[in-house]
Protein backbone atom coordinates (compact mmCIF):
# COMPACT_ATOMS: atom_id res chain seq x y z
CA MET A 1 49.27 57.42 88.01
CA ARG A 2 47.06 59.16 90.43
CA ASN A 3 44.17 56.58 89.90
CA ARG A 4 46.50 53.78 90.70
CA HIS A 5 47.42 55.94 93.44
CA ARG A 6 43.97 56.53 94.55
CA ARG A 7 43.01 52.63 94.24
CA LEU A 8 45.82 51.55 96.86
CA VAL A 9 45.17 54.47 99.07
CA ARG A 10 40.84 53.70 99.59
CA PRO A 11 41.89 49.83 100.87
CA PHE A 12 44.53 51.70 103.57
CA ARG A 13 42.13 54.12 104.68
CA ILE A 14 39.69 51.18 105.06
CA ALA A 15 41.83 48.91 106.92
CA LEU A 16 42.65 52.05 109.21
CA VAL A 17 38.88 52.60 110.13
CA LEU A 18 38.58 48.86 110.69
CA ILE A 19 41.40 49.24 112.77
CA SER A 20 40.14 52.51 114.90
CA VAL A 21 37.19 50.73 115.36
CA VAL A 22 38.65 47.46 116.81
CA VAL A 23 40.73 49.46 119.20
CA LEU A 24 37.64 51.77 119.77
CA VAL A 25 35.33 48.33 120.92
CA VAL A 26 38.16 46.70 122.63
CA ALA A 27 39.00 49.74 124.81
CA LEU A 28 35.18 50.34 125.47
CA ALA A 29 35.41 46.63 126.72
CA TRP A 30 38.29 47.07 129.02
CA TRP A 31 37.01 50.37 130.56
CA GLN A 32 33.41 48.23 131.34
CA ASP A 33 35.50 45.25 132.58
CA ARG A 34 37.55 47.38 134.49
CA SER A 35 34.67 48.85 136.02
CA LEU A 36 33.53 45.29 137.65
CA VAL A 37 37.17 44.76 138.46
CA VAL A 38 37.36 47.61 140.64
CA ALA A 39 33.53 46.69 142.01
CA GLU A 40 35.24 43.00 143.00
CA SER A 41 38.13 44.53 144.32
CA LEU A 42 35.93 47.12 146.88
CA LEU A 43 33.98 43.85 147.92
CA GLN A 44 37.15 42.22 148.88
CA SER A 45 38.62 44.74 150.41
CA GLY A 46 35.75 45.40 152.85
CA ASP A 47 33.45 48.30 150.79
CA PRO A 48 30.60 46.49 150.03
CA SER A 49 28.82 49.97 149.44
CA GLY A 50 31.20 51.51 146.87
CA ALA A 51 30.97 48.57 145.24
CA LEU A 52 27.34 48.71 145.03
CA GLU A 53 27.61 52.28 143.83
CA THR A 54 30.29 50.85 141.40
CA LEU A 55 28.34 47.88 139.39
CA ASP A 56 24.58 50.11 140.00
CA ALA A 57 26.54 52.69 137.52
CA PHE A 58 27.61 50.22 135.31
CA LEU A 59 24.49 48.11 135.80
CA THR A 60 22.34 51.60 134.14
CA HIS A 61 24.31 51.12 130.97
CA ARG A 62 24.68 47.36 130.48
CA PRO A 63 21.14 46.17 132.91
CA GLY A 64 21.48 42.61 131.71
CA HIS A 65 25.39 41.92 132.10
CA GLN A 66 25.30 38.87 133.68
CA ARG A 67 28.57 38.72 135.85
CA ALA A 68 27.68 42.47 136.97
CA LEU A 69 24.39 41.03 138.00
CA LEU A 70 26.29 37.83 140.25
CA LEU A 71 28.65 40.30 141.71
CA LYS A 72 25.99 42.59 142.68
CA ALA A 73 23.82 39.55 144.02
CA ARG A 74 26.66 39.26 146.47
CA THR A 75 27.46 42.51 146.90
CA LEU A 76 23.49 43.06 148.57
CA VAL A 77 24.67 39.58 150.40
CA ALA A 78 27.79 41.95 152.11
CA VAL A 79 25.44 44.86 152.80
CA ARG A 80 22.94 42.93 154.23
CA LYS A 81 20.39 42.88 151.95
CA TRP A 82 18.84 39.53 152.26
CA ASP A 83 15.65 39.56 150.45
CA GLU A 84 17.36 41.77 147.76
CA ALA A 85 19.92 39.30 147.14
CA SER A 86 18.28 36.24 147.50
CA GLU A 87 15.56 37.47 144.21
CA LEU A 88 18.54 38.58 142.06
CA PHE A 89 19.99 35.51 142.53
CA SER A 90 16.53 33.87 141.85
CA GLN A 91 17.04 35.09 138.65
CA THR A 92 20.40 34.91 137.30
CA GLY A 93 21.36 31.61 139.46
CA ALA A 94 24.62 30.72 141.09
CA SER A 95 27.38 28.62 139.67
CA THR A 96 30.81 29.29 141.28
CA PRO A 97 31.66 28.55 145.24
CA ASP A 98 31.22 32.39 146.01
CA GLU A 99 27.84 32.41 144.81
CA LEU A 100 26.29 29.58 146.03
CA ARG A 101 27.73 30.43 149.50
CA ALA A 102 26.16 34.52 149.33
CA TRP A 103 23.20 32.98 147.78
CA ALA A 104 23.20 30.52 150.62
CA ILE A 105 23.37 32.89 153.59
CA SER A 106 20.50 35.33 151.75
CA LEU A 107 18.30 32.35 152.44
CA LEU A 108 19.49 31.47 155.90
CA HIS A 109 19.26 34.78 157.13
CA GLN A 110 15.74 34.67 156.07
CA ARG A 111 15.12 31.09 157.28
CA GLN A 112 14.55 29.49 154.24
CA TRP A 113 15.67 26.33 155.12
CA HIS A 114 14.34 24.37 152.21
CA LYS A 115 15.81 26.45 149.61
CA ALA A 116 19.05 26.79 151.42
CA LEU A 117 19.77 23.12 151.79
CA PRO A 118 20.83 22.24 148.28
CA LEU A 119 22.54 25.01 147.61
CA LEU A 120 24.96 24.17 150.89
CA GLU A 121 24.53 20.53 150.21
CA GLN A 122 26.15 21.41 146.30
CA LEU A 123 28.69 23.42 148.18
CA ASN A 124 29.97 20.33 150.28
CA ALA A 125 29.88 18.01 147.47
CA ILE A 126 32.33 19.51 145.59
CA GLY A 127 34.37 19.86 148.33
CA ARG A 128 34.02 22.60 150.04
CA ASN A 129 33.33 20.85 153.07
CA ASP A 130 34.47 24.22 155.29
CA ALA A 131 33.82 25.08 158.68
CA MET A 132 31.47 28.11 157.49
CA THR A 133 29.38 25.66 155.64
CA LEU A 134 29.44 22.55 157.56
CA ARG A 135 28.34 24.76 160.60
CA ASP A 136 25.45 26.26 158.21
CA LEU A 137 25.01 22.68 156.94
CA THR A 138 24.19 21.63 160.51
CA ILE A 139 21.65 24.32 161.57
CA CYS A 140 19.62 23.68 158.13
CA ARG A 141 19.66 19.85 158.27
CA TYR A 142 18.21 20.63 162.08
CA GLN A 143 15.87 23.04 161.38
CA LEU A 144 14.38 21.31 158.78
CA GLY A 145 14.14 18.03 160.89
CA ARG A 146 17.03 15.98 159.55
CA THR A 147 18.83 15.30 162.77
CA ASP A 148 20.83 12.18 161.19
CA ALA A 149 22.17 14.55 158.77
CA ALA A 150 22.78 17.22 161.01
CA LEU A 151 24.25 15.14 163.68
CA ARG A 152 27.05 14.03 160.80
CA SER A 153 27.85 17.28 159.23
CA ALA A 154 28.60 18.08 163.01
CA ALA A 155 30.65 15.28 163.65
CA GLU A 156 32.41 16.15 160.58
CA LEU A 157 32.86 19.71 161.67
CA GLU A 158 33.99 18.63 165.21
CA SER A 159 36.65 17.01 162.95
CA LEU A 160 38.12 20.17 160.94
CA PRO A 161 41.54 21.27 162.87
CA GLY A 162 41.02 24.23 165.29
CA HIS A 163 37.00 23.56 165.04
CA ALA A 164 36.08 20.64 167.30
CA LEU A 165 34.34 22.85 169.94
CA ASP A 166 32.08 24.38 167.92
CA GLY A 167 31.38 20.66 166.14
CA LEU A 168 31.07 19.17 169.51
CA PHE A 169 28.78 22.53 170.47
CA HIS A 170 26.11 22.06 167.89
CA GLN A 171 26.06 17.74 168.63
CA GLY A 172 25.10 18.61 172.02
CA VAL A 173 22.15 21.22 171.35
CA ILE A 174 21.02 18.86 169.01
CA HIS A 175 21.15 15.61 171.25
CA GLY A 176 19.50 18.06 173.95
CA SER A 177 16.60 18.93 171.39
CA LEU A 178 16.37 14.99 171.21
CA GLY A 179 15.85 14.65 174.81
CA ASN A 180 19.08 12.80 174.65
CA THR A 181 20.32 14.58 177.78
CA HIS A 182 23.15 12.10 178.77
CA LEU A 183 24.48 12.40 174.41
CA ALA A 184 24.73 16.26 175.21
CA ILE A 185 26.30 16.17 178.52
CA LYS A 186 28.89 14.03 176.98
CA SER A 187 29.81 16.54 174.35
CA TRP A 188 29.72 19.11 177.52
CA GLU A 189 32.50 17.11 178.79
CA GLN A 190 34.36 16.94 175.97
CA ILE A 191 34.13 20.62 175.39
CA GLU A 192 35.44 21.43 179.29
CA LYS A 193 38.26 19.13 178.59
CA LEU A 194 39.29 21.41 175.70
CA SER A 195 38.47 24.64 177.28
CA PRO A 196 38.33 24.15 180.84
CA ASP A 197 36.54 28.23 181.06
CA ALA A 198 34.14 27.30 178.08
CA SER A 199 35.85 30.06 175.68
CA GLY A 200 36.05 29.92 171.91
CA LEU A 201 32.33 28.87 171.82
CA THR A 202 30.07 30.98 170.16
CA ILE A 203 27.86 32.10 173.26
CA GLN A 204 29.61 33.18 175.94
CA PRO A 205 30.77 30.76 178.87
CA ALA A 206 28.08 32.09 181.18
CA GLU A 207 25.15 30.61 178.86
CA PHE A 208 27.24 27.29 178.30
CA PHE A 209 27.83 26.60 182.31
CA ARG A 210 24.03 27.18 182.84
CA GLY A 211 22.86 25.17 179.87
CA TYR A 212 25.28 22.09 181.37
CA ALA A 213 24.07 23.05 184.42
CA ASP A 214 20.06 22.36 183.00
CA ASP A 215 21.04 19.37 181.62
CA LEU A 216 22.30 17.96 184.84
CA MET A 217 19.47 18.99 186.44
CA LEU A 218 17.39 16.89 183.87
CA GLU A 219 19.39 13.84 184.54
CA ALA A 220 18.74 14.08 188.26
CA ARG A 221 22.74 14.89 189.38
CA PRO A 222 21.66 18.45 191.45
CA ARG A 223 25.00 18.50 193.06
CA GLN A 224 27.01 18.15 189.61
CA ALA A 225 24.89 21.21 188.57
CA LEU A 226 25.32 23.14 191.55
CA VAL A 227 29.13 23.68 190.41
CA TYR A 228 28.01 24.83 187.41
CA LEU A 229 25.46 27.08 188.44
CA GLN A 230 27.92 28.71 190.50
CA ARG A 231 30.52 29.43 187.53
CA SER A 232 27.37 30.66 185.68
CA LEU A 233 26.02 33.26 188.35
CA ASP A 234 30.30 34.21 189.05
CA LEU A 235 30.69 35.58 185.11
CA GLN A 236 27.18 36.97 184.78
CA PRO A 237 24.97 37.45 188.35
CA SER A 238 21.30 37.22 187.65
CA ALA A 239 18.27 36.33 189.60
CA GLU A 240 17.30 33.62 187.18
CA ILE A 241 20.61 31.94 187.36
CA ARG A 242 20.56 32.31 191.50
CA THR A 243 16.95 30.60 192.05
CA GLN A 244 18.26 27.88 189.67
CA LEU A 245 20.85 27.79 192.09
CA ALA A 246 18.98 27.49 195.00
CA GLU A 247 16.61 25.22 193.01
CA ALA A 248 19.23 22.34 193.01
CA TRP A 249 20.53 23.21 196.86
CA TYR A 250 16.94 21.92 197.41
CA ARG A 251 17.00 18.69 195.37
CA VAL A 252 20.30 18.12 197.41
CA GLY A 253 18.68 18.37 200.58
CA ASN A 254 19.99 21.96 201.80
CA LYS A 255 16.97 23.37 202.46
CA SER A 256 18.27 26.26 204.58
CA GLU A 257 20.71 27.15 201.21
CA ALA A 258 18.09 26.99 199.63
CA ALA A 259 15.22 29.38 201.66
CA SER A 260 18.21 32.01 202.31
CA ILE A 261 18.67 32.86 198.15
CA TRP A 262 15.44 32.71 197.46
CA SER A 263 14.73 35.06 200.67
CA ASP A 264 17.23 37.22 199.50
CA VAL A 265 15.82 37.15 195.54
CA VAL A 266 12.56 37.90 196.71
CA LYS A 267 13.84 41.25 198.82
CA GLU A 268 15.31 42.63 195.52
CA ASP A 269 12.04 41.97 193.39
CA GLU A 270 8.83 41.04 195.26
CA ASP A 271 7.40 39.58 192.10
CA ASN A 272 9.74 36.79 191.22
CA LEU A 273 7.93 34.26 190.15
CA GLU A 274 10.88 31.04 190.72
CA ALA A 275 11.29 32.03 194.32
CA ARG A 276 8.18 32.66 195.44
CA LEU A 277 7.63 29.54 194.50
CA GLY A 278 10.58 27.90 195.50
CA LEU A 279 9.93 29.08 199.22
CA ALA A 280 5.92 27.97 198.94
CA GLU A 281 7.15 24.70 197.85
CA LEU A 282 9.54 24.83 201.60
CA ALA A 283 6.32 26.36 203.19
CA LEU A 284 4.09 23.21 201.92
CA SER A 285 7.21 19.97 202.54
CA GLY A 286 6.85 21.37 206.08
CA THR A 287 3.21 21.48 206.11
CA GLU A 288 3.49 25.09 206.60
CA SER A 289 0.43 26.14 204.39
CA ASP A 290 -0.79 29.67 205.97
CA ALA A 291 3.05 30.60 204.85
CA ALA A 292 2.94 28.78 201.28
CA LEU A 293 -0.28 30.81 200.86
CA GLN A 294 1.73 34.33 201.25
CA TRP A 295 4.74 33.32 199.56
CA LEU A 296 2.09 32.05 196.16
CA ALA A 297 0.00 35.63 196.91
CA PRO A 298 1.13 38.03 194.91
CA ILE A 299 1.39 35.84 191.96
CA ALA A 300 -1.28 33.85 191.68
CA THR A 301 -4.29 35.49 191.05
CA ASP A 302 -7.00 34.36 188.82
CA GLN A 303 -5.40 36.35 186.08
CA LEU A 304 -1.92 35.93 187.05
CA ALA A 305 -1.33 32.27 188.21
CA THR A 306 0.50 29.91 186.09
CA GLU A 307 0.21 26.19 186.23
CA ALA A 308 3.00 25.62 188.79
CA ALA A 309 1.31 28.34 191.01
CA ALA A 310 -2.13 27.47 190.65
CA TYR A 311 -0.82 23.76 191.55
CA MET A 312 0.72 24.83 194.19
CA MET A 313 -2.49 26.84 195.68
CA GLN A 314 -4.78 23.74 195.26
CA ARG A 315 -2.43 21.64 197.74
CA ALA A 316 -2.21 24.27 200.23
CA HIS A 317 -5.85 24.31 200.24
CA THR A 318 -6.24 21.00 200.72
CA LEU A 319 -3.86 20.64 203.67
CA LEU A 320 -6.01 23.43 205.30
CA GLY A 321 -9.37 21.21 204.19
CA ASN A 322 -10.74 24.93 202.17
CA GLU A 323 -12.28 22.01 200.01
CA ASP A 324 -14.40 25.04 197.91
CA LEU A 325 -11.10 27.01 196.87
CA ALA A 326 -8.96 23.88 196.31
CA GLU A 327 -11.69 22.49 194.16
CA HIS A 328 -10.99 26.66 192.48
CA TRP A 329 -7.53 26.03 191.93
CA GLN A 330 -7.85 22.53 190.63
CA GLN A 331 -10.43 24.12 187.76
CA LYS A 332 -7.57 26.53 187.10
CA VAL A 333 -4.94 23.82 186.38
CA ALA A 334 -6.80 22.17 184.18
CA ILE A 335 -8.15 25.34 182.00
CA LEU A 336 -4.18 26.19 182.25
CA ARG A 337 -3.02 22.97 181.34
CA LYS A 338 -5.30 22.91 178.61
CA SER A 339 -4.37 26.37 177.21
CA ALA A 340 -0.42 25.31 177.30
CA LYS A 341 -1.48 22.49 175.28
CA LEU A 342 -3.02 24.60 172.39
CA GLN A 343 -0.07 26.87 172.62
CA ALA A 344 2.07 23.78 171.83
CA ALA A 345 0.20 22.37 169.15
CA PHE A 346 -0.02 25.88 167.53
CA GLU A 347 3.43 26.28 167.74
CA VAL A 348 3.98 23.22 166.20
CA ARG A 349 1.98 24.01 163.26
CA SER A 350 3.60 26.84 162.60
CA ASN A 351 7.10 25.61 162.29
């Protein structure tokens, strides 16, 4: 009877031990998963530093845990550790939209356009054509010289409710960079209709109005440019905008207004290049070569001269009949022009 009792108790004890082990394993897994839940919650609530601390503690015991590594990569993006995040993503890969998005962000901040583009294209293909994705996709395509594709995604961005200004702004920037200033101006006109004070853009209104004026000047529309230069100046006074305003007045034929503004700028900053060039141009237009040389003197030494200043020095000495000095400055113009071309070529290769 006793032996029979023992035979019945033994399986029961074994079963009890097995159940205890299973419960312990489940409890341990729950506790570990709870750490990841806590980390995710901290990340979502705006405490990425706390999330990173939790994840590092978890990974100390389980260094190869895929879910934890992916969550850490996303958290590294949130704390702006772009290189660490992209390196970790390169090891783990990414599959969810949040992971793809975070990986793309880390690459964009490192200007790794070629690597970021496929991730953004993938996000767009799976239906994540949200404003942020379209904006970054536009920028990435543009940086890689894919301007037609960039214009398409910018147009898609424009079509999203509440993002017309952003889409139009990117289209204008791209058109302007391609030399299509008349198309850029069309974008600026549409932006002004939607937002007369240029609020809601990713740049300050003063900067927008100045860019608008720059394009109008390139299209030989100085009278219209005056309006936007003045608006820019009213919002953010600067000597640079004032010299541009004077240039616009000069181009519409109001030389006295241009001279007044340039003179005021020089009174405040004796070495202001643009203002002195403007005043020298006014003097040369009136065949006052000596006056032009006086305005150019502080900015047109052999060491400091720009191409524009050197060219004006050449013109002034030519008008005065100073052949040797005119030839000297002509050679200086050629040297500066060659240097500018070499620098431009270098920048193209670097990009």
